[in-house]
Amino acid sequence: KLSIGNRIVKISHGTDVAIGDVLASAENGDDPLISPVAGKAEVTKKNIVVVPAGKSEVRYEIPGYKQIIVK
């Protein structure tokens, strides 16, 4: 099994991951490494890199009586 530090890698190279997925953890499941972004995982012997998906959408609900300025 591939390990990084004291954690065992739980995914393989090229896996699509979502926010909150466990990428690696200790043998007993403690000390999980959680994906902070959604995207495709690149796993090497030394690290795990999650390349974000092409674009991410963010939805904000603005009350009709408010005005916003977007830069």
PDB file of N, CA and C in Angstrom:
ATOM      1  N   LYS A   1       0.840  -1.186   0.000  1.00  0.00           N
ATOM      2  CA  LYS A   1       0.000   0.000   0.000  1.00  0.00           C
ATOM      3  C   LYS A   1       0.883   1.246   0.000  1.00  0.00           C
ATOM      4  N   LEU A   2       0.467   2.246  -0.762  1.00  0.00           N
ATOM      5  CA  LEU A   2       1.197   3.501  -0.832  1.00  0.00           C
ATOM      6  C   LEU A   2       0.871   4.339   0.401  1.00  0.00           C
ATOM      7  N   SER A   3       1.902   4.902   1.015  1.00  0.00           N
ATOM      8  CA  SER A   3       1.668   5.744   2.186  1.00  0.00           C
ATOM      9  C   SER A   3       2.427   7.050   2.041  1.00  0.00           C
ATOM     10  N   ILE A   4       1.861   8.068   2.653  1.00  0.00           N
ATOM     11  CA  ILE A   4       2.477   9.394   2.689  1.00  0.00           C
ATOM     12  C   ILE A   4       2.554   9.778   4.157  1.00  0.00           C
ATOM     13  N   GLY A   5       3.771   9.868   4.676  1.00  0.00           N
ATOM     14  CA  GLY A   5       3.922  10.112   6.105  1.00  0.00           C
ATOM     15  C   GLY A   5       3.365   8.924   6.861  1.00  0.00           C
ATOM     16  N   ASN A   6       2.498   9.199   7.839  1.00  0.00           N
ATOM     17  CA  ASN A   6       1.884   8.116   8.618  1.00  0.00           C
ATOM     18  C   ASN A   6       0.506   7.747   8.079  1.00  0.00           C
ATOM     19  N   ARG A   7       0.157   8.245   6.887  1.00  0.00           N
ATOM     20  CA  ARG A   7      -1.166   7.994   6.314  1.00  0.00           C
ATOM     21  C   ARG A   7      -1.077   7.047   5.113  1.00  0.00           C
ATOM     22  N   ILE A   8      -2.071   6.184   4.990  1.00  0.00           N
ATOM     23  CA  ILE A   8      -2.175   5.271   3.854  1.00  0.00           C
ATOM     24  C   ILE A   8      -3.094   5.912   2.822  1.00  0.00           C
ATOM     25  N   VAL A   9      -2.655   5.958   1.576  1.00  0.00           N
ATOM     26  CA  VAL A   9      -3.428   6.575   0.501  1.00  0.00           C
ATOM     27  C   VAL A   9      -4.654   5.705   0.208  1.00  0.00           C
ATOM     28  N   LYS A  10      -5.834   6.337   0.155  1.00  0.00           N
ATOM     29  CA  LYS A  10      -7.099   5.626  -0.035  1.00  0.00           C
ATOM     30  C   LYS A  10      -7.643   5.736  -1.457  1.00  0.00           C
ATOM     31  N   ILE A  11      -6.967   6.481  -2.330  1.00  0.00           N
ATOM     32  CA  ILE A  11      -7.420   6.673  -3.707  1.00  0.00           C
ATOM     33  C   ILE A  11      -6.297   6.307  -4.663  1.00  0.00           C
ATOM     34  N   SER A  12      -6.610   6.236  -5.944  1.00  0.00           N
ATOM     35  CA  SER A  12      -5.571   5.957  -6.934  1.00  0.00           C
ATOM     36  C   SER A  12      -5.419   7.147  -7.867  1.00  0.00           C
ATOM     37  N   HIS A  13      -4.335   7.156  -8.627  1.00  0.00           N
ATOM     38  CA  HIS A  13      -4.053   8.235  -9.567  1.00  0.00           C
ATOM     39  C   HIS A  13      -5.190   8.334 -10.584  1.00  0.00           C
ATOM     40  N   GLY A  14      -5.666   9.562 -10.831  1.00  0.00           N
ATOM     41  CA  GLY A  14      -6.723   9.784 -11.811  1.00  0.00           C
ATOM     42  C   GLY A  14      -8.131   9.713 -11.256  1.00  0.00           C
ATOM     43  N   THR A  15      -8.267   9.470  -9.967  1.00  0.00           N
ATOM     44  CA  THR A  15      -9.586   9.385  -9.347  1.00  0.00           C
ATOM     45  C   THR A  15     -10.239  10.763  -9.305  1.00  0.00           C
ATOM     46  N   ASP A  16     -11.540  10.826  -9.630  1.00  0.00           N
ATOM     47  CA  ASP A  16     -12.298  12.059  -9.457  1.00  0.00           C
ATOM     48  C   ASP A  16     -12.713  12.143  -7.996  1.00  0.00           C
ATOM     49  N   VAL A  17     -12.397  13.260  -7.342  1.00  0.00           N
ATOM     50  CA  VAL A  17     -12.738  13.429  -5.940  1.00  0.00           C
ATOM     51  C   VAL A  17     -13.658  14.633  -5.764  1.00  0.00           C
ATOM     52  N   ALA A  18     -14.450  14.589  -4.720  1.00  0.00           N
ATOM     53  CA  ALA A  18     -15.346  15.685  -4.373  1.00  0.00           C
ATOM     54  C   ALA A  18     -14.841  16.341  -3.095  1.00  0.00           C
ATOM     55  N   ILE A  19     -15.334  17.513  -2.811  1.00  0.00           N
ATOM     56  CA  ILE A  19     -14.972  18.194  -1.563  1.00  0.00           C
ATOM     57  C   ILE A  19     -15.373  17.298  -0.397  1.00  0.00           C
ATOM     58  N   GLY A  20     -14.450  17.069   0.510  1.00  0.00           N
ATOM     59  CA  GLY A  20     -14.736  16.261   1.692  1.00  0.00           C
ATOM     60  C   GLY A  20     -14.360  14.798   1.566  1.00  0.00           C
ATOM     61  N   ASP A  21     -13.962  14.341   0.377  1.00  0.00           N
ATOM     62  CA  ASP A  21     -13.536  12.945   0.231  1.00  0.00           C
ATOM     63  C   ASP A  21     -12.241  12.699   0.996  1.00  0.00           C
ATOM     64  N   VAL A  22     -12.099  11.518   1.563  1.00  0.00           N
ATOM     65  CA  VAL A  22     -10.878  11.143   2.284  1.00  0.00           C
ATOM     66  C   VAL A  22      -9.848  10.670   1.255  1.00  0.00           C
ATOM     67  N   LEU A  23      -8.710  11.353   1.235  1.00  0.00           N
ATOM     68  CA  LEU A  23      -7.641  11.001   0.308  1.00  0.00           C
ATOM     69  C   LEU A  23      -6.680   9.996   0.923  1.00  0.00           C
ATOM     70  N   ALA A  24      -6.414  10.147   2.209  1.00  0.00           N
ATOM     71  CA  ALA A  24      -5.509   9.257   2.937  1.00  0.00           C
ATOM     72  C   ALA A  24      -5.846   9.335   4.413  1.00  0.00           C
ATOM     73  N   SER A  25      -5.509   8.283   5.151  1.00  0.00           N
ATOM     74  CA  SER A  25      -5.726   8.295   6.599  1.00  0.00           C
ATOM     75  C   SER A  25      -4.813   7.265   7.248  1.00  0.00           C
ATOM     76  N   ALA A  26      -4.755   7.314   8.564  1.00  0.00           N
ATOM     77  CA  ALA A  26      -3.973   6.328   9.312  1.00  0.00           C
ATOM     78  C   ALA A  26      -4.632   4.956   9.149  1.00  0.00           C
ATOM     79  N   GLU A  27      -3.900   3.915   9.485  1.00  0.00           N
ATOM     80  CA  GLU A  27      -4.390   2.537   9.334  1.00  0.00           C
ATOM     81  C   GLU A  27      -5.766   2.335   9.962  1.00  0.00           C
ATOM     82  N   ASN A  28      -5.983   2.939  11.141  1.00  0.00           N
ATOM     83  CA  ASN A  28      -7.252   2.763  11.849  1.00  0.00           C
ATOM     84  C   ASN A  28      -8.304   3.805  11.451  1.00  0.00           C
ATOM     85  N   GLY A  29      -8.011   4.643  10.460  1.00  0.00           N
ATOM     86  CA  GLY A  29      -8.976   5.638   9.995  1.00  0.00           C
ATOM     87  C   GLY A  29      -8.821   6.999  10.638  1.00  0.00           C
ATOM     88  N   ASP A  30      -7.948   7.105  11.639  1.00  0.00           N
ATOM     89  CA  ASP A  30      -7.717   8.397  12.296  1.00  0.00           C
ATOM     90  C   ASP A  30      -6.872   9.295  11.398  1.00  0.00           C
ATOM     91  N   ASP A  31      -6.846  10.578  11.719  1.00  0.00           N
ATOM     92  CA  ASP A  31      -6.014  11.571  11.043  1.00  0.00           C
ATOM     93  C   ASP A  31      -6.247  11.594   9.527  1.00  0.00           C
ATOM     94  N   PRO A  32      -7.519  11.751   9.090  1.00  0.00           N
ATOM     95  CA  PRO A  32      -7.792  11.727   7.651  1.00  0.00           C
ATOM     96  C   PRO A  32      -7.284  12.984   6.937  1.00  0.00           C
ATOM     97  N   LEU A  33      -6.878  12.809   5.694  1.00  0.00           N
ATOM     98  CA  LEU A  33      -6.510  13.907   4.816  1.00  0.00           C
ATOM     99  C   LEU A  33      -7.709  14.093   3.888  1.00  0.00           C
ATOM    100  N   ILE A  34      -8.383  15.226   4.013  1.00  0.00           N
ATOM    101  CA  ILE A  34      -9.643  15.496   3.321  1.00  0.00           C
ATOM    102  C   ILE A  34      -9.397  16.416   2.125  1.00  0.00           C
ATOM    103  N   SER A  35     -10.060  16.143   1.011  1.00  0.00           N
ATOM    104  CA  SER A  35      -9.928  16.987  -0.178  1.00  0.00           C
ATOM    105  C   SER A  35     -10.662  18.310   0.040  1.00  0.00           C
ATOM    106  N   PRO A  36      -9.961  19.441  -0.112  1.00  0.00           N
ATOM    107  CA  PRO A  36     -10.604  20.747   0.062  1.00  0.00           C
ATOM    108  C   PRO A  36     -11.315  21.235  -1.200  1.00  0.00           C
ATOM    109  N   VAL A  37     -11.038  20.595  -2.335  1.00  0.00           N
ATOM    110  CA  VAL A  37     -11.641  20.988  -3.610  1.00  0.00           C
ATOM    111  C   VAL A  37     -12.060  19.741  -4.387  1.00  0.00           C
ATOM    112  N   ALA A  38     -12.951  19.936  -5.360  1.00  0.00           N
ATOM    113  CA  ALA A  38     -13.347  18.848  -6.245  1.00  0.00           C
ATOM    114  C   ALA A  38     -12.437  18.865  -7.461  1.00  0.00           C
ATOM    115  N   GLY A  39     -12.091  17.708  -7.959  1.00  0.00           N
ATOM    116  CA  GLY A  39     -11.247  17.641  -9.145  1.00  0.00           C
ATOM    117  C   GLY A  39     -10.679  16.253  -9.336  1.00  0.00           C
ATOM    118  N   LYS A  40      -9.571  16.163 -10.057  1.00  0.00           N
ATOM    119  CA  LYS A  40      -8.924  14.894 -10.361  1.00  0.00           C
ATOM    120  C   LYS A  40      -7.648  14.771  -9.529  1.00  0.00           C
ATOM    121  N   ALA A  41      -7.484  13.622  -8.886  1.00  0.00           N
ATOM    122  CA  ALA A  41      -6.330  13.399  -8.009  1.00  0.00           C
ATOM    123  C   ALA A  41      -5.126  12.898  -8.785  1.00  0.00           C
ATOM    124  N   GLU A  42      -3.964  13.464  -8.483  1.00  0.00           N
ATOM    125  CA  GLU A  42      -2.691  12.995  -9.023  1.00  0.00           C
ATOM    126  C   GLU A  42      -1.890  12.460  -7.844  1.00  0.00           C
ATOM    127  N   VAL A  43      -1.677  11.159  -7.804  1.00  0.00           N
ATOM    128  CA  VAL A  43      -1.000  10.511  -6.683  1.00  0.00           C
ATOM    129  C   VAL A  43       0.406  10.118  -7.110  1.00  0.00           C
ATOM    130  N   THR A  44       1.400  10.557  -6.328  1.00  0.00           N
ATOM    131  CA  THR A  44       2.784  10.153  -6.546  1.00  0.00           C
ATOM    132  C   THR A  44       3.276   9.474  -5.273  1.00  0.00           C
ATOM    133  N   LYS A  45       4.535   9.056  -5.270  1.00  0.00           N
ATOM    134  CA  LYS A  45       5.091   8.408  -4.072  1.00  0.00           C
ATOM    135  C   LYS A  45       5.244   9.371  -2.908  1.00  0.00           C
ATOM    136  N   LYS A  46       5.292  10.687  -3.190  1.00  0.00           N
ATOM    137  CA  LYS A  46       5.541  11.662  -2.140  1.00  0.00           C
ATOM    138  C   LYS A  46       4.340  12.524  -1.775  1.00  0.00           C
ATOM    139  N   ASN A  47       3.360  12.672  -2.693  1.00  0.00           N
ATOM    140  CA  ASN A  47       2.244  13.563  -2.376  1.00  0.00           C
ATOM    141  C   ASN A  47       1.006  13.250  -3.184  1.00  0.00           C
ATOM    142  N   ILE A  48      -0.074  13.931  -2.822  1.00  0.00           N
ATOM    143  CA  ILE A  48      -1.343  13.859  -3.547  1.00  0.00           C
ATOM    144  C   ILE A  48      -1.690  15.286  -3.931  1.00  0.00           C
ATOM    145  N   VAL A  49      -1.959  15.495  -5.220  1.00  0.00           N
ATOM    146  CA  VAL A  49      -2.357  16.810  -5.707  1.00  0.00           C
ATOM    147  C   VAL A  49      -3.740  16.666  -6.317  1.00  0.00           C
ATOM    148  N   VAL A  50      -4.671  17.541  -5.914  1.00  0.00           N
ATOM    149  CA  VAL A  50      -6.000  17.543  -6.513  1.00  0.00           C
ATOM    150  C   VAL A  50      -6.074  18.740  -7.447  1.00  0.00           C
ATOM    151  N   VAL A  51      -6.205  18.445  -8.748  1.00  0.00           N
ATOM    152  CA  VAL A  51      -6.314  19.492  -9.755  1.00  0.00           C
ATOM    153  C   VAL A  51      -7.792  19.844  -9.865  1.00  0.00           C
ATOM    154  N   PRO A  52      -8.144  21.100  -9.559  1.00  0.00           N
ATOM    155  CA  PRO A  52      -9.557  21.489  -9.555  1.00  0.00           C
ATOM    156  C   PRO A  52     -10.226  21.246 -10.907  1.00  0.00           C
ATOM    157  N   ALA A  53     -11.527  21.003 -10.853  1.00  0.00           N
ATOM    158  CA  ALA A  53     -12.326  20.829 -12.066  1.00  0.00           C
ATOM    159  C   ALA A  53     -12.260  22.119 -12.880  1.00  0.00           C
ATOM    160  N   GLY A  54     -12.552  22.035 -14.174  1.00  0.00           N
ATOM    161  CA  GLY A  54     -12.438  23.158 -15.099  1.00  0.00           C
ATOM    162  C   GLY A  54     -12.950  24.487 -14.575  1.00  0.00           C
ATOM    163  N   LYS A  55     -14.145  24.515 -14.086  1.00  0.00           N
ATOM    164  CA  LYS A  55     -14.672  25.749 -13.519  1.00  0.00           C
ATOM    165  C   LYS A  55     -15.556  25.387 -12.340  1.00  0.00           C
ATOM    166  N   SER A  56     -15.671  26.306 -11.448  1.00  0.00           N
ATOM    167  CA  SER A  56     -16.546  26.066 -10.309  1.00  0.00           C
ATOM    168  C   SER A  56     -17.581  27.173 -10.252  1.00  0.00           C
ATOM    169  N   GLU A  57     -18.775  26.793  -9.959  1.00  0.00           N
ATOM    170  CA  GLU A  57     -19.852  27.757  -9.870  1.00  0.00           C
ATOM    171  C   GLU A  57     -20.128  28.064  -8.413  1.00  0.00           C
ATOM    172  N   VAL A  58     -20.425  29.314  -8.170  1.00  0.00           N
ATOM    173  CA  VAL A  58     -20.805  29.736  -6.831  1.00  0.00           C
ATOM    174  C   VAL A  58     -22.115  30.479  -6.967  1.00  0.00           C
ATOM    175  N   ARG A  59     -23.060  30.123  -6.142  1.00  0.00           N
ATOM    176  CA  ARG A  59     -24.371  30.759  -6.218  1.00  0.00           C
ATOM    177  C   ARG A  59     -24.577  31.615  -4.975  1.00  0.00           C
ATOM    178  N   TYR A  60     -24.922  32.869  -5.210  1.00  0.00           N
ATOM    179  CA  TYR A  60     -25.229  33.803  -4.135  1.00  0.00           C
ATOM    180  C   TYR A  60     -26.660  34.282  -4.335  1.00  0.00           C
ATOM    181  N   GLU A  61     -27.446  34.226  -3.294  1.00  0.00           N
ATOM    182  CA  GLU A  61     -28.809  34.744  -3.380  1.00  0.00           C
ATOM    183  C   GLU A  61     -28.806  36.155  -2.816  1.00  0.00           C
ATOM    184  N   ILE A  62     -29.208  37.092  -3.659  1.00  0.00           N
ATOM    185  CA  ILE A  62     -29.225  38.507  -3.290  1.00  0.00           C
ATOM    186  C   ILE A  62     -30.676  38.968  -3.221  1.00  0.00           C
ATOM    187  N   PRO A  63     -31.087  39.542  -2.093  1.00  0.00           N
ATOM    188  CA  PRO A  63     -32.464  40.052  -2.012  1.00  0.00           C
ATOM    189  C   PRO A  63     -32.688  41.121  -3.069  1.00  0.00           C
ATOM    190  N   GLY A  64     -33.919  41.196  -3.580  1.00  0.00           N
ATOM    191  CA  GLY A  64     -34.259  42.131  -4.655  1.00  0.00           C
ATOM    192  C   GLY A  64     -34.059  43.591  -4.312  1.00  0.00           C
ATOM    193  N   TYR A  65     -34.056  43.954  -3.039  1.00  0.00           N
ATOM    194  CA  TYR A  65     -33.930  45.348  -2.640  1.00  0.00           C
ATOM    195  C   TYR A  65     -32.456  45.765  -2.455  1.00  0.00           C
ATOM    196  N   LYS A  66     -31.511  44.843  -2.651  1.00  0.00           N
ATOM    197  CA  LYS A  66     -30.087  45.152  -2.509  1.00  0.00           C
ATOM    198  C   LYS A  66     -29.466  45.458  -3.867  1.00  0.00           C
ATOM    199  N   GLN A  67     -28.391  46.243  -3.851  1.00  0.00           N
ATOM    200  CA  GLN A  67     -27.620  46.501  -5.054  1.00  0.00           C
ATOM    201  C   GLN A  67     -26.227  45.910  -4.853  1.00  0.00           C
ATOM    202  N   ILE A  68     -25.682  45.338  -5.916  1.00  0.00           N
ATOM    203  CA  ILE A  68     -24.340  44.780  -5.812  1.00  0.00           C
ATOM    204  C   ILE A  68     -23.452  45.368  -6.895  1.00  0.00           C
ATOM    205  N   ILE A  69     -22.172  45.391  -6.611  1.00  0.00           N
ATOM    206  CA  ILE A  69     -21.155  45.806  -7.579  1.00  0.00           C
ATOM    207  C   ILE A  69     -20.204  44.621  -7.733  1.00  0.00           C
ATOM    208  N   VAL A  70     -19.978  44.203  -8.966  1.00  0.00           N
ATOM    209  CA  VAL A  70     -19.125  43.059  -9.241  1.00  0.00           C
ATOM    210  C   VAL A  70     -17.896  43.539  -9.998  1.00  0.00           C
ATOM    211  N   LYS A  71     -16.726  43.149  -9.508  1.00  0.00           N
ATOM    212  CA  LYS A  71     -15.468  43.509 -10.192  1.00  0.00           C
ATOM    213  C   LYS A  71     -14.873  42.285 -10.788  1.00  0.00           C
TER     214      LYS A  71
END
